[in-house]
Amino acid sequence: MADTVLTAVYQRLDACPWVRPEAVARGRARLSTQPWPTGEQVARSMLEWVLGARTG
């Protein structure tokens, strides 16, 4: 199930015209590593995306 969801996420991101390819690559690398990101890391990533700038 998780693999199916990740595949769907990757396909959506690849097709999205306003998501930069390097951001997709970072997301893939992050999702394929263990341990999974903490809630704080996910929130920081979402803020970066919303604000369009690096935080921290």
PDB file of N, CA and C in Angstrom:
ATOM      1  N   MET A   1       0.820  -1.198   0.000  1.00  0.00           N
ATOM      2  CA  MET A   1       0.000   0.000   0.000  1.00  0.00           C
ATOM      3  C   MET A   1       0.862   1.259   0.000  1.00  0.00           C
ATOM      4  N   ALA A   2       1.879   1.286   0.881  1.00  0.00           N
ATOM      5  CA  ALA A   2       2.741   2.471   0.964  1.00  0.00           C
ATOM      6  C   ALA A   2       3.461   2.713  -0.354  1.00  0.00           C
ATOM      7  N   ASP A   3       3.896   1.631  -1.016  1.00  0.00           N
ATOM      8  CA  ASP A   3       4.583   1.785  -2.299  1.00  0.00           C
ATOM      9  C   ASP A   3       3.652   2.386  -3.349  1.00  0.00           C
ATOM     10  N   THR A   4       2.397   1.974  -3.327  1.00  0.00           N
ATOM     11  CA  THR A   4       1.419   2.509  -4.271  1.00  0.00           C
ATOM     12  C   THR A   4       1.200   3.996  -4.037  1.00  0.00           C
ATOM     13  N   VAL A   5       1.119   4.375  -2.776  1.00  0.00           N
ATOM     14  CA  VAL A   5       0.927   5.788  -2.443  1.00  0.00           C
ATOM     15  C   VAL A   5       2.133   6.605  -2.879  1.00  0.00           C
ATOM     16  N   LEU A   6       3.345   6.113  -2.581  1.00  0.00           N
ATOM     17  CA  LEU A   6       4.553   6.843  -2.982  1.00  0.00           C
ATOM     18  C   LEU A   6       4.638   6.985  -4.495  1.00  0.00           C
ATOM     19  N   THR A   7       4.295   5.935  -5.215  1.00  0.00           N
ATOM     20  CA  THR A   7       4.313   6.002  -6.676  1.00  0.00           C
ATOM     21  C   THR A   7       3.342   7.066  -7.171  1.00  0.00           C
ATOM     22  N   ALA A   8       2.154   7.112  -6.586  1.00  0.00           N
ATOM     23  CA  ALA A   8       1.167   8.122  -6.981  1.00  0.00           C
ATOM     24  C   ALA A   8       1.663   9.529  -6.661  1.00  0.00           C
ATOM     25  N   VAL A   9       2.301   9.684  -5.515  1.00  0.00           N
ATOM     26  CA  VAL A   9       2.852  10.993  -5.133  1.00  0.00           C
ATOM     27  C   VAL A   9       3.913  11.423  -6.132  1.00  0.00           C
ATOM     28  N   TYR A  10       4.827  10.527  -6.470  1.00  0.00           N
ATOM     29  CA  TYR A  10       5.886  10.850  -7.428  1.00  0.00           C
ATOM     30  C   TYR A  10       5.299  11.241  -8.780  1.00  0.00           C
ATOM     31  N   GLN A  11       4.297  10.510  -9.233  1.00  0.00           N
ATOM     32  CA  GLN A  11       3.688  10.815 -10.526  1.00  0.00           C
ATOM     33  C   GLN A  11       3.016  12.184 -10.507  1.00  0.00           C
ATOM     34  N   ARG A  12       2.327  12.510  -9.410  1.00  0.00           N
ATOM     35  CA  ARG A  12       1.680  13.823  -9.301  1.00  0.00           C
ATOM     36  C   ARG A  12       2.710  14.940  -9.315  1.00  0.00           C
ATOM     37  N   LEU A  13       3.790  14.755  -8.550  1.00  0.00           N
ATOM     38  CA  LEU A  13       4.821  15.788  -8.489  1.00  0.00           C
ATOM     39  C   LEU A  13       5.519  15.959  -9.829  1.00  0.00           C
ATOM     40  N   ASP A  14       5.797  14.848 -10.515  1.00  0.00           N
ATOM     41  CA  ASP A  14       6.445  14.929 -11.825  1.00  0.00           C
ATOM     42  C   ASP A  14       5.577  15.670 -12.836  1.00  0.00           C
ATOM     43  N   ALA A  15       4.260  15.544 -12.704  1.00  0.00           N
ATOM     44  CA  ALA A  15       3.342  16.172 -13.656  1.00  0.00           C
ATOM     45  C   ALA A  15       2.996  17.611 -13.284  1.00  0.00           C
ATOM     46  N   CYS A  16       3.317  18.016 -12.077  1.00  0.00           N
ATOM     47  CA  CYS A  16       2.943  19.346 -11.594  1.00  0.00           C
ATOM     48  C   CYS A  16       3.872  20.407 -12.194  1.00  0.00           C
ATOM     49  N   PRO A  17       3.322  21.385 -12.928  1.00  0.00           N
ATOM     50  CA  PRO A  17       4.174  22.355 -13.624  1.00  0.00           C
ATOM     51  C   PRO A  17       4.893  23.342 -12.709  1.00  0.00           C
ATOM     52  N   TRP A  18       4.444  23.537 -11.481  1.00  0.00           N
ATOM     53  CA  TRP A  18       5.089  24.532 -10.630  1.00  0.00           C
ATOM     54  C   TRP A  18       5.992  23.927  -9.559  1.00  0.00           C
ATOM     55  N   VAL A  19       6.210  22.613  -9.597  1.00  0.00           N
ATOM     56  CA  VAL A  19       7.147  21.978  -8.667  1.00  0.00           C
ATOM     57  C   VAL A  19       8.464  21.770  -9.403  1.00  0.00           C
ATOM     58  N   ARG A  20       9.534  22.315  -8.832  1.00  0.00           N
ATOM     59  CA  ARG A  20      10.844  22.211  -9.473  1.00  0.00           C
ATOM     60  C   ARG A  20      11.355  20.770  -9.409  1.00  0.00           C
ATOM     61  N   PRO A  21      12.018  20.300 -10.484  1.00  0.00           N
ATOM     62  CA  PRO A  21      12.539  18.932 -10.501  1.00  0.00           C
ATOM     63  C   PRO A  21      13.502  18.643  -9.346  1.00  0.00           C
ATOM     64  N   GLU A  22      14.302  19.632  -8.948  1.00  0.00           N
ATOM     65  CA  GLU A  22      15.241  19.387  -7.846  1.00  0.00           C
ATOM     66  C   GLU A  22      14.501  19.190  -6.523  1.00  0.00           C
ATOM     67  N   ALA A  23      13.340  19.825  -6.384  1.00  0.00           N
ATOM     68  CA  ALA A  23      12.530  19.617  -5.174  1.00  0.00           C
ATOM     69  C   ALA A  23      11.958  18.204  -5.160  1.00  0.00           C
ATOM     70  N   VAL A  24      11.538  17.717  -6.320  1.00  0.00           N
ATOM     71  CA  VAL A  24      11.043  16.344  -6.418  1.00  0.00           C
ATOM     72  C   VAL A  24      12.163  15.369  -6.072  1.00  0.00           C
ATOM     73  N   ALA A  25      13.358  15.620  -6.581  1.00  0.00           N
ATOM     74  CA  ALA A  25      14.495  14.740  -6.296  1.00  0.00           C
ATOM     75  C   ALA A  25      14.819  14.719  -4.807  1.00  0.00           C
ATOM     76  N   ARG A  26      14.779  15.894  -4.156  1.00  0.00           N
ATOM     77  CA  ARG A  26      15.024  15.943  -2.706  1.00  0.00           C
ATOM     78  C   ARG A  26      13.958  15.161  -1.951  1.00  0.00           C
ATOM     79  N   GLY A  27      12.715  15.301  -2.380  1.00  0.00           N
ATOM     80  CA  GLY A  27      11.623  14.579  -1.724  1.00  0.00           C
ATOM     81  C   GLY A  27      11.753  13.083  -1.877  1.00  0.00           C
ATOM     82  N   ARG A  28      12.111  12.640  -3.078  1.00  0.00           N
ATOM     83  CA  ARG A  28      12.312  11.200  -3.296  1.00  0.00           C
ATOM     84  C   ARG A  28      13.438  10.673  -2.420  1.00  0.00           C
ATOM     85  N   ALA A  29      14.537  11.408  -2.371  1.00  0.00           N
ATOM     86  CA  ALA A  29      15.677  10.974  -1.557  1.00  0.00           C
ATOM     87  C   ALA A  29      15.293  10.909  -0.087  1.00  0.00           C
ATOM     88  N   ARG A  30      14.530  11.880   0.360  1.00  0.00           N
ATOM     89  CA  ARG A  30      14.132  11.925   1.776  1.00  0.00           C
ATOM     90  C   ARG A  30      13.183  10.784   2.121  1.00  0.00           C
ATOM     91  N   LEU A  31      12.250  10.474   1.219  1.00  0.00           N
ATOM     92  CA  LEU A  31      11.284   9.411   1.482  1.00  0.00           C
ATOM     93  C   LEU A  31      11.897   8.023   1.392  1.00  0.00           C
ATOM     94  N   SER A  32      13.005   7.887   0.673  1.00  0.00           N
ATOM     95  CA  SER A  32      13.618   6.569   0.525  1.00  0.00           C
ATOM     96  C   SER A  32      14.639   6.275   1.615  1.00  0.00           C
ATOM     97  N   THR A  33      14.899   7.205   2.507  1.00  0.00           N
ATOM     98  CA  THR A  33      15.867   6.989   3.581  1.00  0.00           C
ATOM     99  C   THR A  33      15.148   6.705   4.890  1.00  0.00           C
ATOM    100  N   GLN A  34      15.840   6.070   5.775  1.00  0.00           N
ATOM    101  CA  GLN A  34      15.310   5.809   7.116  1.00  0.00           C
ATOM    102  C   GLN A  34      16.208   6.500   8.103  1.00  0.00           C
ATOM    103  N   PRO A  35      15.816   6.986   9.202  1.00  0.00           N
ATOM    104  CA  PRO A  35      14.427   7.012   9.650  1.00  0.00           C
ATOM    105  C   PRO A  35      13.630   8.076   8.914  1.00  0.00           C
ATOM    106  N   TRP A  36      12.330   7.937   8.996  1.00  0.00           N
ATOM    107  CA  TRP A  36      11.445   8.898   8.355  1.00  0.00           C
ATOM    108  C   TRP A  36      11.589  10.250   9.034  1.00  0.00           C
ATOM    109  N   PRO A  37      11.258  11.330   8.336  1.00  0.00           N
ATOM    110  CA  PRO A  37      11.402  12.668   8.925  1.00  0.00           C
ATOM    111  C   PRO A  37      10.501  12.859  10.147  1.00  0.00           C
ATOM    112  N   THR A  38      10.960  13.701  11.040  1.00  0.00           N
ATOM    113  CA  THR A  38      10.161  14.033  12.221  1.00  0.00           C
ATOM    114  C   THR A  38       9.062  15.014  11.823  1.00  0.00           C
ATOM    115  N   GLY A  39       8.124  15.221  12.715  1.00  0.00           N
ATOM    116  CA  GLY A  39       7.059  16.190  12.458  1.00  0.00           C
ATOM    117  C   GLY A  39       7.618  17.582  12.236  1.00  0.00           C
ATOM    118  N   GLU A  40       8.662  17.921  12.998  1.00  0.00           N
ATOM    119  CA  GLU A  40       9.286  19.243  12.844  1.00  0.00           C
ATOM    120  C   GLU A  40       9.919  19.394  11.464  1.00  0.00           C
ATOM    121  N   GLN A  41      10.587  18.347  10.987  1.00  0.00           N
ATOM    122  CA  GLN A  41      11.209  18.406   9.670  1.00  0.00           C
ATOM    123  C   GLN A  41      10.153  18.533   8.569  1.00  0.00           C
ATOM    124  N   VAL A  42       9.047  17.825   8.733  1.00  0.00           N
ATOM    125  CA  VAL A  42       7.965  17.922   7.748  1.00  0.00           C
ATOM    126  C   VAL A  42       7.382  19.335   7.749  1.00  0.00           C
ATOM    127  N   ALA A  43       7.160  19.882   8.948  1.00  0.00           N
ATOM    128  CA  ALA A  43       6.624  21.246   9.051  1.00  0.00           C
ATOM    129  C   ALA A  43       7.579  22.256   8.428  1.00  0.00           C
ATOM    130  N   ARG A  44       8.878  22.102   8.675  1.00  0.00           N
ATOM    131  CA  ARG A  44       9.875  23.014   8.102  1.00  0.00           C
ATOM    132  C   ARG A  44       9.845  22.938   6.576  1.00  0.00           C
ATOM    133  N   SER A  45       9.754  21.722   6.057  1.00  0.00           N
ATOM    134  CA  SER A  45       9.699  21.533   4.612  1.00  0.00           C
ATOM    135  C   SER A  45       8.457  22.198   4.018  1.00  0.00           C
ATOM    136  N   MET A  46       7.326  22.053   4.706  1.00  0.00           N
ATOM    137  CA  MET A  46       6.098  22.681   4.224  1.00  0.00           C
ATOM    138  C   MET A  46       6.207  24.200   4.255  1.00  0.00           C
ATOM    139  N   LEU A  47       6.836  24.735   5.296  1.00  0.00           N
ATOM    140  CA  LEU A  47       7.036  26.185   5.367  1.00  0.00           C
ATOM    141  C   LEU A  47       7.951  26.665   4.245  1.00  0.00           C
ATOM    142  N   GLU A  48       9.002  25.908   3.962  1.00  0.00           N
ATOM    143  CA  GLU A  48       9.889  26.265   2.851  1.00  0.00           C
ATOM    144  C   GLU A  48       9.087  26.333   1.561  1.00  0.00           C
ATOM    145  N   TRP A  49       8.232  25.351   1.374  1.00  0.00           N
ATOM    146  CA  TRP A  49       7.452  25.304   0.141  1.00  0.00           C
ATOM    147  C   TRP A  49       6.496  26.491   0.077  1.00  0.00           C
ATOM    148  N   VAL A  50       5.791  26.756   1.165  1.00  0.00           N
ATOM    149  CA  VAL A  50       4.805  27.842   1.182  1.00  0.00           C
ATOM    150  C   VAL A  50       5.476  29.202   1.035  1.00  0.00           C
ATOM    151  N   LEU A  51       6.572  29.403   1.748  1.00  0.00           N
ATOM    152  CA  LEU A  51       7.239  30.701   1.746  1.00  0.00           C
ATOM    153  C   LEU A  51       8.207  30.868   0.577  1.00  0.00           C
ATOM    154  N   GLY A  52       8.576  29.762  -0.054  1.00  0.00           N
ATOM    155  CA  GLY A  52       9.481  29.823  -1.193  1.00  0.00           C
ATOM    156  C   GLY A  52      10.909  30.145  -0.823  1.00  0.00           C
ATOM    157  N   ALA A  53      11.275  29.910   0.421  1.00  0.00           N
ATOM    158  CA  ALA A  53      12.641  30.202   0.867  1.00  0.00           C
ATOM    159  C   ALA A  53      13.060  29.179   1.909  1.00  0.00           C
ATOM    160  N   ARG A  54      14.340  29.055   2.063  1.00  0.00           N
ATOM    161  CA  ARG A  54      14.875  28.155   3.082  1.00  0.00           C
ATOM    162  C   ARG A  54      14.638  28.733   4.463  1.00  0.00           C
ATOM    163  N   THR A  55      14.316  27.858   5.419  1.00  0.00           N
ATOM    164  CA  THR A  55      14.174  28.279   6.810  1.00  0.00           C
ATOM    165  C   THR A  55      15.275  27.624   7.618  1.00  0.00           C
ATOM    166  N   GLY A  56      15.680  28.264   8.677  1.00  0.00           N
ATOM    167  CA  GLY A  56      16.666  27.678   9.598  1.00  0.00           C
ATOM    168  C   GLY A  56      18.042  27.700   9.150  1.00  0.00           C
TER     169      GLY A  56
END
